[in-house]
Amino acid sequence: VPYFLSRLSVEAFLTFTQILVMSLISYYMINLQMAFIPFLFVNFVLSMVSAALAVALGGAVDEVQTATEMLPLLFVPQMLFAGFFVATDLIPSWLRWAQYLCSLTYSLRIAVLKEFDDCEPAEKCLDVIDSMDADDDEIWWYWLILLMLFLVFRILALGLLTYKSTQFY
């Protein structure tokens, strides 16, 4: 557990540094309307949840090659179910539940709500907000769900790695 927590703190620092550089470049290049700090924080939280998912996958398999080959199985559906590239209405109803497991869904909803915060009723930006099922009154739920996904994936990874360490000896 101490190793896991120290690795997490180092990983959080390195991730924050990388996300800071990436956000500084992309924020001013894209000329976003939202403030920089929420943009940075959304990117950082999404990166940490994605890293937690990757660590859980790494703890579930025995070889690095297997984990590398399985990563697209985890991250490609995130892009499909997040509601950005494919509208949620176009996804078959029996598959729509998967969007609630994707951290990208909640991060995009937060980013869209922050970006189009001052959207007028007659503008097209309301169509984007509606197509993503984003609700400004539920933004704190999106943050809470991202935190819960992070904790669930990290605890799952810890459990898997602890189990694997007992099987090794």
C-alpha atoms as a PDB file:
ATOM      1  CA  VAL A   1       0.000   0.000   0.000  1.00  0.00           C
ATOM      2  CA  PRO A   2       2.761   2.563   0.766  1.00  0.00           C
ATOM      3  CA  TYR A   3       4.379   1.838  -2.595  1.00  0.00           C
ATOM      4  CA  PHE A   4       1.024   2.186  -4.335  1.00  0.00           C
ATOM      5  CA  LEU A   5       0.336   5.550  -2.662  1.00  0.00           C
ATOM      6  CA  SER A   6       3.831   6.910  -3.309  1.00  0.00           C
ATOM      7  CA  ARG A   7       3.597   5.835  -6.937  1.00  0.00           C
ATOM      8  CA  LEU A   8       0.220   7.558  -7.166  1.00  0.00           C
ATOM      9  CA  SER A   9       1.611  10.820  -5.801  1.00  0.00           C
ATOM     10  CA  VAL A  10       4.541  10.802  -8.219  1.00  0.00           C
ATOM     11  CA  GLU A  11       2.206   9.883 -11.069  1.00  0.00           C
ATOM     12  CA  ALA A  12      -0.165  12.720 -10.114  1.00  0.00           C
ATOM     13  CA  PHE A  13       2.701  15.231 -10.135  1.00  0.00           C
ATOM     14  CA  LEU A  14       4.021  14.042 -13.501  1.00  0.00           C
ATOM     15  CA  THR A  15       0.533  13.938 -14.988  1.00  0.00           C
ATOM     16  CA  PHE A  16      -0.198  17.452 -13.754  1.00  0.00           C
ATOM     17  CA  THR A  17       3.037  18.743 -15.284  1.00  0.00           C
ATOM     18  CA  GLN A  18       2.276  17.125 -18.632  1.00  0.00           C
ATOM     19  CA  ILE A  19      -1.345  18.301 -18.609  1.00  0.00           C
ATOM     20  CA  LEU A  20      -0.251  21.828 -17.673  1.00  0.00           C
ATOM     21  CA  VAL A  21       2.032  22.039 -20.707  1.00  0.00           C
ATOM     22  CA  MET A  22      -0.583  20.487 -22.991  1.00  0.00           C
ATOM     23  CA  SER A  23      -3.330  22.747 -21.643  1.00  0.00           C
ATOM     24  CA  LEU A  24      -1.250  25.912 -21.975  1.00  0.00           C
ATOM     25  CA  ILE A  25      -0.597  25.146 -25.617  1.00  0.00           C
ATOM     26  CA  SER A  26      -4.066  23.972 -26.584  1.00  0.00           C
ATOM     27  CA  TYR A  27      -6.042  26.551 -24.553  1.00  0.00           C
ATOM     28  CA  TYR A  28      -4.457  29.532 -26.257  1.00  0.00           C
ATOM     29  CA  MET A  29      -4.235  27.817 -29.627  1.00  0.00           C
ATOM     30  CA  ILE A  30      -7.963  26.980 -29.651  1.00  0.00           C
ATOM     31  CA  ASN A  31      -8.969  30.268 -27.978  1.00  0.00           C
ATOM     32  CA  LEU A  32     -11.514  28.689 -25.665  1.00  0.00           C
ATOM     33  CA  GLN A  33     -14.130  30.811 -23.920  1.00  0.00           C
ATOM     34  CA  MET A  34     -13.972  29.000 -20.578  1.00  0.00           C
ATOM     35  CA  ALA A  35     -11.463  30.023 -17.946  1.00  0.00           C
ATOM     36  CA  PHE A  36      -8.079  28.310 -17.996  1.00  0.00           C
ATOM     37  CA  ILE A  37      -8.252  26.745 -14.506  1.00  0.00           C
ATOM     38  CA  PRO A  38     -11.446  24.704 -15.164  1.00  0.00           C
ATOM     39  CA  PHE A  39      -9.974  23.584 -18.498  1.00  0.00           C
ATOM     40  CA  LEU A  40      -6.775  22.487 -16.775  1.00  0.00           C
ATOM     41  CA  PHE A  41      -8.656  20.747 -13.975  1.00  0.00           C
ATOM     42  CA  VAL A  42     -10.999  18.854 -16.332  1.00  0.00           C
ATOM     43  CA  ASN A  43      -8.014  17.632 -18.351  1.00  0.00           C
ATOM     44  CA  PHE A  44      -6.107  16.634 -15.222  1.00  0.00           C
ATOM     45  CA  VAL A  45      -9.015  14.707 -13.695  1.00  0.00           C
ATOM     46  CA  LEU A  46      -9.715  12.941 -16.995  1.00  0.00           C
ATOM     47  CA  SER A  47      -6.044  11.972 -17.232  1.00  0.00           C
ATOM     48  CA  MET A  48      -5.981  10.643 -13.684  1.00  0.00           C
ATOM     49  CA  VAL A  49      -9.135   8.562 -14.192  1.00  0.00           C
ATOM     50  CA  SER A  50      -7.761   7.207 -17.470  1.00  0.00           C
ATOM     51  CA  ALA A  51      -4.473   6.352 -15.782  1.00  0.00           C
ATOM     52  CA  ALA A  52      -6.368   4.597 -12.982  1.00  0.00           C
ATOM     53  CA  LEU A  53      -8.218   2.540 -15.591  1.00  0.00           C
ATOM     54  CA  ALA A  54      -4.924   1.667 -17.281  1.00  0.00           C
ATOM     55  CA  VAL A  55      -3.345   0.652 -13.959  1.00  0.00           C
ATOM     56  CA  ALA A  56      -6.349  -1.566 -13.215  1.00  0.00           C
ATOM     57  CA  LEU A  57      -5.955  -3.200 -16.614  1.00  0.00           C
ATOM     58  CA  GLY A  58      -2.236  -3.645 -15.986  1.00  0.00           C
ATOM     59  CA  GLY A  59      -3.005  -5.327 -12.690  1.00  0.00           C
ATOM     60  CA  ALA A  60      -5.506  -7.677 -14.322  1.00  0.00           C
ATOM     61  CA  VAL A  61      -3.151  -9.166 -16.930  1.00  0.00           C
ATOM     62  CA  ASP A  62       0.129 -10.998 -16.641  1.00  0.00           C
ATOM     63  CA  GLU A  63       2.134  -9.502 -19.505  1.00  0.00           C
ATOM     64  CA  VAL A  64       2.772  -5.957 -20.654  1.00  0.00           C
ATOM     65  CA  GLN A  65       2.105  -6.941 -24.267  1.00  0.00           C
ATOM     66  CA  THR A  66      -1.367  -8.191 -23.335  1.00  0.00           C
ATOM     67  CA  ALA A  67      -2.186  -4.939 -21.530  1.00  0.00           C
ATOM     68  CA  THR A  68      -0.968  -2.900 -24.506  1.00  0.00           C
ATOM     69  CA  GLU A  69      -3.141  -4.906 -26.861  1.00  0.00           C
ATOM     70  CA  MET A  70      -6.189  -4.543 -24.609  1.00  0.00           C
ATOM     71  CA  LEU A  71      -5.952  -0.765 -24.082  1.00  0.00           C
ATOM     72  CA  PRO A  72      -7.935   0.063 -27.253  1.00  0.00           C
ATOM     73  CA  LEU A  73     -10.748  -2.115 -25.900  1.00  0.00           C
ATOM     74  CA  LEU A  74     -11.025   0.311 -22.990  1.00  0.00           C
ATOM     75  CA  PHE A  75     -10.434   3.664 -24.641  1.00  0.00           C
ATOM     76  CA  VAL A  76     -12.091   3.394 -28.078  1.00  0.00           C
ATOM     77  CA  PRO A  77     -15.547   2.780 -26.564  1.00  0.00           C
ATOM     78  CA  GLN A  78     -15.008   5.898 -24.468  1.00  0.00           C
ATOM     79  CA  MET A  79     -14.871   7.946 -27.659  1.00  0.00           C
ATOM     80  CA  LEU A  80     -17.930   6.217 -29.077  1.00  0.00           C
ATOM     81  CA  PHE A  81     -20.134   6.401 -25.994  1.00  0.00           C
ATOM     82  CA  ALA A  82     -19.121   9.885 -24.779  1.00  0.00           C
ATOM     83  CA  GLY A  83     -21.645  11.516 -27.098  1.00  0.00           C
ATOM     84  CA  PHE A  84     -19.204  13.762 -28.917  1.00  0.00           C
ATOM     85  CA  PHE A  85     -18.478  11.860 -32.136  1.00  0.00           C
ATOM     86  CA  VAL A  86     -21.688   9.822 -32.165  1.00  0.00           C
ATOM     87  CA  ALA A  87     -24.887  11.263 -30.727  1.00  0.00           C
ATOM     88  CA  THR A  88     -26.213   9.189 -27.847  1.00  0.00           C
ATOM     89  CA  ASP A  89     -29.574   8.880 -29.610  1.00  0.00           C
ATOM     90  CA  LEU A  90     -27.894   6.987 -32.470  1.00  0.00           C
ATOM     91  CA  ILE A  91     -26.470   4.332 -30.158  1.00  0.00           C
ATOM     92  CA  PRO A  92     -28.770   1.312 -29.776  1.00  0.00           C
ATOM     93  CA  SER A  93     -30.781   1.510 -26.564  1.00  0.00           C
ATOM     94  CA  TRP A  94     -29.383  -1.784 -25.265  1.00  0.00           C
ATOM     95  CA  LEU A  95     -25.847  -0.293 -25.431  1.00  0.00           C
ATOM     96  CA  ARG A  96     -26.483   3.190 -24.033  1.00  0.00           C
ATOM     97  CA  TRP A  97     -25.794   2.121 -20.468  1.00  0.00           C
ATOM     98  CA  ALA A  98     -22.073   1.982 -21.334  1.00  0.00           C
ATOM     99  CA  GLN A  99     -21.872   5.778 -21.493  1.00  0.00           C
ATOM    100  CA  TYR A 100     -22.267   5.926 -17.726  1.00  0.00           C
ATOM    101  CA  LEU A 101     -19.034   3.950 -17.237  1.00  0.00           C
ATOM    102  CA  CYS A 102     -16.971   6.284 -19.418  1.00  0.00           C
ATOM    103  CA  SER A 103     -15.019   9.067 -17.760  1.00  0.00           C
ATOM    104  CA  LEU A 104     -14.822  10.918 -21.064  1.00  0.00           C
ATOM    105  CA  THR A 105     -18.617  11.334 -20.988  1.00  0.00           C
ATOM    106  CA  TYR A 106     -18.547  13.297 -17.751  1.00  0.00           C
ATOM    107  CA  SER A 107     -15.421  15.271 -18.656  1.00  0.00           C
ATOM    108  CA  LEU A 108     -16.934  16.333 -21.956  1.00  0.00           C
ATOM    109  CA  ARG A 109     -20.164  17.346 -20.277  1.00  0.00           C
ATOM    110  CA  ILE A 110     -18.256  19.521 -17.822  1.00  0.00           C
ATOM    111  CA  ALA A 111     -16.133  21.037 -20.586  1.00  0.00           C
ATOM    112  CA  VAL A 112     -19.151  21.761 -22.801  1.00  0.00           C
ATOM    113  CA  LEU A 113     -21.052  23.365 -19.937  1.00  0.00           C
ATOM    114  CA  LYS A 114     -18.062  25.533 -19.000  1.00  0.00           C
ATOM    115  CA  GLU A 115     -17.302  26.477 -22.614  1.00  0.00           C
ATOM    116  CA  PHE A 116     -20.884  27.446 -23.464  1.00  0.00           C
ATOM    117  CA  ASP A 117     -21.672  28.941 -20.062  1.00  0.00           C
ATOM    118  CA  ASP A 118     -22.978  32.196 -21.527  1.00  0.00           C
ATOM    119  CA  CYS A 119     -24.902  30.677 -24.435  1.00  0.00           C
ATOM    120  CA  GLU A 120     -27.932  32.626 -25.617  1.00  0.00           C
ATOM    121  CA  PRO A 121     -31.188  30.678 -26.184  1.00  0.00           C
ATOM    122  CA  ALA A 122     -31.199  31.323 -29.946  1.00  0.00           C
ATOM    123  CA  GLU A 123     -27.628  30.110 -30.521  1.00  0.00           C
ATOM    124  CA  LYS A 124     -26.485  26.710 -31.815  1.00  0.00           C
ATOM    125  CA  CYS A 125     -24.472  26.005 -28.689  1.00  0.00           C
ATOM    126  CA  LEU A 126     -27.633  24.903 -26.905  1.00  0.00           C
ATOM    127  CA  ASP A 127     -27.954  22.132 -29.488  1.00  0.00           C
ATOM    128  CA  VAL A 128     -24.489  20.887 -28.519  1.00  0.00           C
ATOM    129  CA  ILE A 129     -25.361  20.960 -24.821  1.00  0.00           C
ATOM    130  CA  ASP A 130     -28.646  19.134 -25.449  1.00  0.00           C
ATOM    131  CA  SER A 131     -27.075  16.517 -27.720  1.00  0.00           C
ATOM    132  CA  MET A 132     -24.614  15.605 -24.960  1.00  0.00           C
ATOM    133  CA  ASP A 133     -27.355  15.422 -22.303  1.00  0.00           C
ATOM    134  CA  ALA A 134     -25.395  17.920 -20.225  1.00  0.00           C
ATOM    135  CA  ASP A 135     -27.253  19.706 -17.452  1.00  0.00           C
ATOM    136  CA  ASP A 136     -25.754  22.676 -15.638  1.00  0.00           C
ATOM    137  CA  ASP A 137     -27.604  21.765 -12.446  1.00  0.00           C
ATOM    138  CA  GLU A 138     -25.888  18.367 -12.366  1.00  0.00           C
ATOM    139  CA  ILE A 139     -22.310  19.507 -12.934  1.00  0.00           C
ATOM    140  CA  TRP A 140     -21.330  18.626  -9.372  1.00  0.00           C
ATOM    141  CA  TRP A 141     -22.624  15.094 -10.023  1.00  0.00           C
ATOM    142  CA  TYR A 142     -20.252  14.840 -12.993  1.00  0.00           C
ATOM    143  CA  TRP A 143     -17.308  15.801 -10.766  1.00  0.00           C
ATOM    144  CA  LEU A 144     -18.428  13.329  -8.099  1.00  0.00           C
ATOM    145  CA  ILE A 145     -18.800  10.507 -10.613  1.00  0.00           C
ATOM    146  CA  LEU A 146     -15.317  11.210 -11.993  1.00  0.00           C
ATOM    147  CA  LEU A 147     -13.943  11.041  -8.454  1.00  0.00           C
ATOM    148  CA  MET A 148     -15.805   7.776  -7.826  1.00  0.00           C
ATOM    149  CA  LEU A 149     -14.536   6.254 -11.092  1.00  0.00           C
ATOM    150  CA  PHE A 150     -10.998   7.223 -10.091  1.00  0.00           C
ATOM    151  CA  LEU A 151     -11.365   5.648  -6.639  1.00  0.00           C
ATOM    152  CA  VAL A 152     -13.029   2.487  -7.948  1.00  0.00           C
ATOM    153  CA  PHE A 153     -10.353   1.909 -10.606  1.00  0.00           C
ATOM    154  CA  ARG A 154      -7.497   2.625  -8.173  1.00  0.00           C
ATOM    155  CA  ILE A 155      -8.925   0.378  -5.457  1.00  0.00           C
ATOM    156  CA  LEU A 156      -9.548  -2.321  -8.059  1.00  0.00           C
ATOM    157  CA  ALA A 157      -5.948  -1.984  -9.224  1.00  0.00           C
ATOM    158  CA  LEU A 158      -4.692  -2.192  -5.648  1.00  0.00           C
ATOM    159  CA  GLY A 159      -6.754  -5.309  -5.026  1.00  0.00           C
ATOM    160  CA  LEU A 160      -5.593  -6.950  -8.244  1.00  0.00           C
ATOM    161  CA  LEU A 161      -1.943  -6.158  -7.584  1.00  0.00           C
ATOM    162  CA  THR A 162      -2.205  -7.363  -3.980  1.00  0.00           C
ATOM    163  CA  TYR A 163      -3.784 -10.608  -5.162  1.00  0.00           C
ATOM    164  CA  LYS A 164      -1.123 -11.090  -7.833  1.00  0.00           C
ATOM    165  CA  SER A 165       1.656 -10.483  -5.320  1.00  0.00           C
ATOM    166  CA  THR A 166       0.373 -13.318  -3.112  1.00  0.00           C
ATOM    167  CA  GLN A 167       0.183 -15.642  -6.122  1.00  0.00           C
ATOM    168  CA  PHE A 168       3.749 -14.909  -7.166  1.00  0.00           C
ATOM    169  CA  TYR A 169       5.470 -16.345  -4.107  1.00  0.00           C
END
